Amino acid sequence: MMKATMQSNDGYKPERRSSVPINAEIRVYYGACTSKLLTGYSIDLNTNGVFLVTTCPFDVDDNVKLKLFIPLQEEIIVSCVARVAWINHENNPPKPEYPAGVGLQFVDITPEDICSIVGFIKVKAA
């Protein structure tokens, strides 16, 4: 895997992850505050974070409140805070295979919610 020596202004830097993302289109409510959340969806998920498809104007290092709807036998709602780690702009995206959106890194998430994500990943991988 590559380690980046430079980071672009969109925050993207290719590097090795401790958790490989899986393709996962799940419903996500997101926003700067929980009183006014927008609806969107993810295209990948791992225990470190999620890629959120959005054209909302976020900046790298913005904090975003999330509600992830994990479809297991019963739908589980994971509520957490994530940091914008990188941005995939519509024009000249660092990951052209992805739509416009943001790579989010979980910064405030419970161990129980991480376990729910791990359970979902195991089900998807099976």
N, C-alpha and C. Protein backbone atom coordinates (compact mmCIF):
# COMPACT_ATOMS: atom_id res chain seq x y z
N MET A 1 0.84 -1.18 0.00
CA MET A 1 0.00 0.00 0.00
C MET A 1 0.88 1.24 0.00
N MET A 2 0.31 2.35 -0.47
CA MET A 2 1.06 3.59 -0.54
C MET A 2 0.88 4.41 0.73
N LYS A 3 1.93 5.05 1.15
CA LYS A 3 1.85 6.07 2.19
C LYS A 3 2.08 7.39 1.49
N ALA A 4 1.26 8.36 1.77
CA ALA A 4 1.40 9.64 1.10
C ALA A 4 2.53 10.44 1.74
N THR A 5 3.25 11.14 0.91
CA THR A 5 4.25 12.06 1.43
C THR A 5 3.72 13.48 1.39
N MET A 6 2.68 13.69 0.63
CA MET A 6 2.07 15.01 0.54
C MET A 6 0.57 14.86 0.67
N GLN A 7 -0.06 15.90 1.17
CA GLN A 7 -1.51 15.90 1.30
C GLN A 7 -2.04 17.07 0.50
N SER A 8 -3.08 16.84 -0.31
CA SER A 8 -3.67 17.91 -1.09
C SER A 8 -4.60 18.74 -0.22
N ASN A 9 -5.06 19.88 -0.73
CA ASN A 9 -5.93 20.75 0.06
C ASN A 9 -7.32 20.17 0.26
N ASP A 10 -7.66 19.08 -0.41
CA ASP A 10 -8.95 18.43 -0.17
C ASP A 10 -8.84 17.39 0.93
N GLY A 11 -7.66 17.25 1.53
CA GLY A 11 -7.46 16.34 2.64
C GLY A 11 -7.15 14.92 2.24
N TYR A 12 -7.29 14.59 0.96
CA TYR A 12 -7.10 13.21 0.53
C TYR A 12 -5.63 12.84 0.54
N LYS A 13 -5.32 11.72 1.15
CA LYS A 13 -3.98 11.17 1.08
C LYS A 13 -4.10 9.66 1.08
N PRO A 14 -3.62 8.99 0.03
CA PRO A 14 -3.70 7.54 0.01
C PRO A 14 -2.82 6.96 1.11
N GLU A 15 -3.35 6.05 1.88
CA GLU A 15 -2.56 5.43 2.93
C GLU A 15 -3.19 4.10 3.32
N ARG A 16 -2.47 3.36 4.06
CA ARG A 16 -2.94 2.05 4.54
C ARG A 16 -3.95 2.27 5.67
N ARG A 17 -5.05 1.54 5.61
CA ARG A 17 -6.06 1.63 6.66
C ARG A 17 -5.98 0.40 7.54
N SER A 18 -6.39 0.57 8.80
CA SER A 18 -6.41 -0.59 9.69
C SER A 18 -7.67 -1.42 9.47
N SER A 19 -8.65 -0.86 8.79
CA SER A 19 -9.90 -1.57 8.52
C SER A 19 -10.29 -1.30 7.07
N VAL A 20 -10.38 -2.35 6.28
CA VAL A 20 -10.70 -2.21 4.86
C VAL A 20 -12.18 -1.90 4.70
N PRO A 21 -12.53 -0.87 3.91
CA PRO A 21 -13.94 -0.55 3.73
C PRO A 21 -14.67 -1.58 2.88
N ILE A 22 -15.95 -1.75 3.18
CA ILE A 22 -16.80 -2.61 2.36
C ILE A 22 -17.79 -1.73 1.61
N ASN A 23 -18.23 -2.18 0.46
CA ASN A 23 -19.29 -1.47 -0.25
C ASN A 23 -20.55 -1.59 0.58
N ALA A 24 -21.12 -0.46 0.95
CA ALA A 24 -22.31 -0.48 1.80
C ALA A 24 -23.12 0.78 1.57
N GLU A 25 -24.25 0.60 0.91
CA GLU A 25 -25.15 1.73 0.71
C GLU A 25 -26.15 1.72 1.86
N ILE A 26 -25.90 2.59 2.83
CA ILE A 26 -26.80 2.69 3.98
C ILE A 26 -27.31 4.12 4.11
N ARG A 27 -28.48 4.25 4.69
CA ARG A 27 -29.08 5.58 4.88
C ARG A 27 -28.33 6.30 6.00
N VAL A 28 -28.08 7.59 5.78
CA VAL A 28 -27.35 8.40 6.75
C VAL A 28 -28.06 9.74 6.91
N TYR A 29 -28.30 10.13 8.16
CA TYR A 29 -28.72 11.50 8.47
C TYR A 29 -27.46 12.20 8.95
N TYR A 30 -27.24 13.43 8.50
CA TYR A 30 -26.00 14.11 8.84
C TYR A 30 -26.20 15.62 8.90
N GLY A 31 -25.33 16.29 9.64
CA GLY A 31 -25.37 17.73 9.72
C GLY A 31 -24.46 18.25 10.81
N ALA A 32 -24.36 19.58 10.87
CA ALA A 32 -23.52 20.22 11.88
C ALA A 32 -24.17 20.15 13.26
N CYS A 33 -25.50 20.05 13.30
CA CYS A 33 -26.20 19.93 14.58
C CYS A 33 -27.34 18.94 14.42
N THR A 34 -27.74 18.31 15.52
CA THR A 34 -28.76 17.26 15.42
C THR A 34 -30.16 17.81 15.23
N SER A 35 -30.37 19.12 15.40
CA SER A 35 -31.71 19.66 15.22
C SER A 35 -32.09 19.82 13.75
N LYS A 36 -31.10 19.82 12.87
CA LYS A 36 -31.38 19.98 11.43
C LYS A 36 -30.47 19.04 10.65
N LEU A 37 -30.93 17.81 10.47
CA LEU A 37 -30.13 16.82 9.77
C LEU A 37 -30.61 16.64 8.33
N LEU A 38 -29.67 16.43 7.43
CA LEU A 38 -29.96 16.13 6.04
C LEU A 38 -29.96 14.62 5.85
N THR A 39 -30.56 14.14 4.78
CA THR A 39 -30.59 12.72 4.49
C THR A 39 -29.69 12.42 3.31
N GLY A 40 -28.91 11.35 3.41
CA GLY A 40 -28.05 10.92 2.32
C GLY A 40 -27.78 9.44 2.44
N TYR A 41 -26.72 9.00 1.79
CA TYR A 41 -26.35 7.59 1.88
C TYR A 41 -24.84 7.44 1.76
N SER A 42 -24.37 6.30 2.24
CA SER A 42 -22.95 5.99 2.15
C SER A 42 -22.71 5.08 0.95
N ILE A 43 -21.45 4.98 0.55
CA ILE A 43 -21.11 3.95 -0.44
C ILE A 43 -20.06 3.00 0.08
N ASP A 44 -19.39 3.36 1.18
CA ASP A 44 -18.53 2.40 1.85
C ASP A 44 -18.46 2.70 3.34
N LEU A 45 -18.09 1.68 4.08
CA LEU A 45 -18.12 1.76 5.54
C LEU A 45 -17.04 0.84 6.10
N ASN A 46 -16.37 1.29 7.14
CA ASN A 46 -15.49 0.43 7.92
C ASN A 46 -15.54 0.89 9.37
N THR A 47 -14.76 0.28 10.24
CA THR A 47 -14.83 0.64 11.65
C THR A 47 -14.19 1.98 11.96
N ASN A 48 -13.47 2.54 11.00
CA ASN A 48 -12.84 3.85 11.19
C ASN A 48 -13.69 5.00 10.68
N GLY A 49 -14.60 4.72 9.73
CA GLY A 49 -15.38 5.81 9.16
C GLY A 49 -16.25 5.36 8.00
N VAL A 50 -16.73 6.35 7.26
CA VAL A 50 -17.72 6.11 6.22
C VAL A 50 -17.51 7.15 5.11
N PHE A 51 -17.80 6.76 3.87
CA PHE A 51 -17.82 7.73 2.78
C PHE A 51 -19.26 8.13 2.55
N LEU A 52 -19.55 9.43 2.68
CA LEU A 52 -20.89 9.97 2.54
C LEU A 52 -21.03 10.68 1.20
N VAL A 53 -22.01 10.27 0.41
CA VAL A 53 -22.29 10.94 -0.86
C VAL A 53 -23.04 12.23 -0.54
N THR A 54 -22.47 13.37 -0.92
CA THR A 54 -23.08 14.67 -0.65
C THR A 54 -22.43 15.74 -1.50
N THR A 55 -23.18 16.79 -1.76
CA THR A 55 -22.61 17.97 -2.41
C THR A 55 -22.61 19.15 -1.44
N CYS A 56 -22.92 18.89 -0.16
CA CYS A 56 -22.89 19.95 0.85
C CYS A 56 -21.47 20.47 0.99
N PRO A 57 -21.33 21.77 1.19
CA PRO A 57 -19.99 22.36 1.28
C PRO A 57 -19.34 22.14 2.65
N PHE A 58 -18.63 21.05 2.80
CA PHE A 58 -17.87 20.79 4.02
C PHE A 58 -16.42 21.15 3.79
N ASP A 59 -15.71 21.43 4.88
CA ASP A 59 -14.27 21.64 4.85
C ASP A 59 -13.59 20.50 5.59
N VAL A 60 -12.36 20.22 5.22
CA VAL A 60 -11.57 19.23 5.94
C VAL A 60 -11.50 19.66 7.40
N ASP A 61 -11.66 18.71 8.30
CA ASP A 61 -11.65 18.87 9.76
C ASP A 61 -12.97 19.37 10.34
N ASP A 62 -14.00 19.62 9.51
CA ASP A 62 -15.33 19.92 10.05
C ASP A 62 -15.83 18.71 10.82
N ASN A 63 -16.53 18.95 11.93
CA ASN A 63 -17.20 17.86 12.63
C ASN A 63 -18.62 17.74 12.12
N VAL A 64 -19.08 16.51 11.95
CA VAL A 64 -20.41 16.23 11.41
C VAL A 64 -21.09 15.23 12.33
N LYS A 65 -22.31 15.53 12.73
CA LYS A 65 -23.11 14.58 13.51
C LYS A 65 -23.77 13.61 12.54
N LEU A 66 -23.72 12.33 12.87
CA LEU A 66 -24.23 11.28 11.98
C LEU A 66 -25.23 10.39 12.70
N LYS A 67 -26.19 9.91 11.93
CA LYS A 67 -27.05 8.80 12.33
C LYS A 67 -27.00 7.82 11.18
N LEU A 68 -26.37 6.67 11.41
CA LEU A 68 -26.25 5.63 10.39
C LEU A 68 -27.29 4.57 10.67
N PHE A 69 -28.02 4.18 9.65
CA PHE A 69 -29.06 3.16 9.79
C PHE A 69 -28.50 1.84 9.26
N ILE A 70 -28.03 1.00 10.19
CA ILE A 70 -27.36 -0.25 9.86
C ILE A 70 -28.41 -1.35 9.69
N PRO A 71 -28.55 -1.90 8.48
CA PRO A 71 -29.59 -2.91 8.23
C PRO A 71 -29.14 -4.32 8.62
N LEU A 72 -29.33 -4.66 9.88
CA LEU A 72 -29.11 -6.04 10.33
C LEU A 72 -30.47 -6.70 10.45
N GLN A 73 -30.61 -7.76 11.26
CA GLN A 73 -31.93 -8.39 11.41
C GLN A 73 -32.96 -7.36 11.85
N GLU A 74 -32.56 -6.50 12.77
CA GLU A 74 -33.36 -5.33 13.12
C GLU A 74 -32.48 -4.14 12.78
N GLU A 75 -33.08 -3.09 12.23
CA GLU A 75 -32.28 -1.92 11.87
C GLU A 75 -31.71 -1.29 13.14
N ILE A 76 -30.41 -1.04 13.13
CA ILE A 76 -29.72 -0.43 14.26
C ILE A 76 -29.33 0.98 13.86
N ILE A 77 -29.56 1.93 14.75
CA ILE A 77 -29.18 3.32 14.50
C ILE A 77 -27.90 3.61 15.28
N VAL A 78 -26.85 3.97 14.55
CA VAL A 78 -25.58 4.35 15.15
C VAL A 78 -25.51 5.87 15.12
N SER A 79 -25.46 6.49 16.30
CA SER A 79 -25.32 7.95 16.40
C SER A 79 -23.90 8.26 16.84
N CYS A 80 -23.24 9.13 16.09
CA CYS A 80 -21.84 9.43 16.40
C CYS A 80 -21.45 10.78 15.80
N VAL A 81 -20.22 11.17 16.08
CA VAL A 81 -19.64 12.37 15.49
C VAL A 81 -18.45 11.92 14.66
N ALA A 82 -18.31 12.53 13.49
CA ALA A 82 -17.19 12.21 12.60
C ALA A 82 -16.53 13.50 12.13
N ARG A 83 -15.29 13.36 11.71
CA ARG A 83 -14.51 14.49 11.19
C ARG A 83 -14.35 14.30 9.69
N VAL A 84 -14.50 15.39 8.93
CA VAL A 84 -14.26 15.33 7.49
C VAL A 84 -12.75 15.12 7.30
N ALA A 85 -12.39 13.94 6.82
CA ALA A 85 -10.98 13.60 6.62
C ALA A 85 -10.50 14.01 5.23
N TRP A 86 -11.41 13.90 4.24
CA TRP A 86 -11.06 14.29 2.87
C TRP A 86 -12.34 14.55 2.08
N ILE A 87 -12.18 15.27 0.99
CA ILE A 87 -13.32 15.68 0.16
C ILE A 87 -13.11 15.19 -1.27
N ASN A 88 -14.13 14.59 -1.83
CA ASN A 88 -14.11 14.18 -3.24
C ASN A 88 -14.98 15.17 -4.01
N HIS A 89 -14.35 16.21 -4.53
CA HIS A 89 -15.07 17.25 -5.26
C HIS A 89 -15.64 16.72 -6.58
N GLU A 90 -16.68 17.38 -7.07
CA GLU A 90 -17.25 17.00 -8.37
C GLU A 90 -16.25 17.23 -9.49
N ASN A 91 -15.52 18.34 -9.42
CA ASN A 91 -14.51 18.66 -10.44
C ASN A 91 -13.14 18.23 -9.93
N ASN A 92 -12.43 17.44 -10.72
CA ASN A 92 -11.09 16.99 -10.39
C ASN A 92 -11.03 16.24 -9.05
N PRO A 93 -11.82 15.19 -8.89
CA PRO A 93 -11.84 14.46 -7.62
C PRO A 93 -10.58 13.62 -7.44
N PRO A 94 -10.08 13.49 -6.20
CA PRO A 94 -8.93 12.63 -5.97
C PRO A 94 -9.25 11.15 -6.17
N LYS A 95 -10.53 10.77 -6.00
CA LYS A 95 -10.98 9.39 -6.25
C LYS A 95 -12.08 9.45 -7.31
N PRO A 96 -11.72 9.47 -8.60
CA PRO A 96 -12.73 9.63 -9.64
C PRO A 96 -13.75 8.49 -9.70
N GLU A 97 -13.42 7.33 -9.12
CA GLU A 97 -14.37 6.22 -9.12
C GLU A 97 -15.48 6.42 -8.08
N TYR A 98 -15.34 7.42 -7.22
CA TYR A 98 -16.35 7.75 -6.21
C TYR A 98 -17.15 8.96 -6.68
N PRO A 99 -18.41 9.06 -6.24
CA PRO A 99 -19.18 10.28 -6.53
C PRO A 99 -18.69 11.42 -5.63
N ALA A 100 -19.26 12.60 -5.82
CA ALA A 100 -18.94 13.73 -4.94
C ALA A 100 -19.36 13.38 -3.52
N GLY A 101 -18.52 13.74 -2.57
CA GLY A 101 -18.84 13.45 -1.18
C GLY A 101 -17.64 13.66 -0.28
N VAL A 102 -17.75 13.11 0.93
CA VAL A 102 -16.71 13.29 1.93
C VAL A 102 -16.37 11.97 2.61
N GLY A 103 -15.08 11.80 2.86
CA GLY A 103 -14.62 10.69 3.68
C GLY A 103 -14.64 11.14 5.13
N LEU A 104 -15.40 10.44 5.95
CA LEU A 104 -15.58 10.82 7.35
C LEU A 104 -14.88 9.82 8.27
N GLN A 105 -14.17 10.33 9.25
CA GLN A 105 -13.49 9.51 10.24
C GLN A 105 -14.25 9.64 11.56
N PHE A 106 -14.65 8.50 12.14
CA PHE A 106 -15.36 8.54 13.41
C PHE A 106 -14.45 9.11 14.50
N VAL A 107 -14.96 10.08 15.27
CA VAL A 107 -14.17 10.65 16.36
C VAL A 107 -14.87 10.50 17.71
N ASP A 108 -16.17 10.30 17.71
CA ASP A 108 -16.92 10.10 18.95
C ASP A 108 -17.99 9.04 18.68
N ILE A 109 -17.65 7.80 19.01
CA ILE A 109 -18.54 6.67 18.74
C ILE A 109 -18.37 5.66 19.87
N THR A 110 -19.46 5.04 20.29
CA THR A 110 -19.40 4.11 21.41
C THR A 110 -18.85 2.75 20.96
N PRO A 111 -18.27 2.01 21.90
CA PRO A 111 -17.82 0.65 21.57
C PRO A 111 -18.97 -0.23 21.08
N GLU A 112 -20.18 -0.03 21.62
CA GLU A 112 -21.34 -0.80 21.17
C GLU A 112 -21.66 -0.52 19.70
N ASP A 113 -21.55 0.75 19.31
CA ASP A 113 -21.81 1.10 17.91
C ASP A 113 -20.74 0.54 16.98
N ILE A 114 -19.49 0.52 17.43
CA ILE A 114 -18.43 -0.11 16.64
C ILE A 114 -18.74 -1.60 16.47
N CYS A 115 -19.23 -2.25 17.53
CA CYS A 115 -19.60 -3.67 17.45
C CYS A 115 -20.72 -3.88 16.44
N SER A 116 -21.69 -2.95 16.38
CA SER A 116 -22.77 -3.05 15.39
C SER A 116 -22.22 -2.96 13.98
N ILE A 117 -21.26 -2.07 13.76
CA ILE A 117 -20.64 -1.92 12.44
C ILE A 117 -19.86 -3.19 12.09
N VAL A 118 -19.12 -3.73 13.05
CA VAL A 118 -18.37 -4.97 12.82
C VAL A 118 -19.33 -6.10 12.45
N GLY A 119 -20.46 -6.20 13.16
CA GLY A 119 -21.46 -7.23 12.85
C GLY A 119 -22.00 -7.08 11.44
N PHE A 120 -22.27 -5.83 11.03
CA PHE A 120 -22.76 -5.57 9.68
C PHE A 120 -21.72 -5.96 8.64
N ILE A 121 -20.46 -5.61 8.89
CA ILE A 121 -19.38 -5.94 7.96
C ILE A 121 -19.25 -7.46 7.81
N LYS A 122 -19.36 -8.19 8.92
CA LYS A 122 -19.27 -9.66 8.86
C LYS A 122 -20.42 -10.25 8.04
N VAL A 123 -21.62 -9.71 8.22
CA VAL A 123 -22.78 -10.19 7.45
C VAL A 123 -22.57 -9.91 5.96
N LYS A 124 -22.10 -8.70 5.63
CA LYS A 124 -21.88 -8.33 4.22
C LYS A 124 -20.77 -9.16 3.59
N ALA A 125 -19.75 -9.52 4.37
CA ALA A 125 -18.61 -10.27 3.84
C ALA A 125 -18.93 -11.75 3.66
N ALA A 126 -19.96 -12.22 4.33
CA ALA A 126 -20.29 -13.66 4.28
C ALA A 126 -20.92 -14.04 2.95
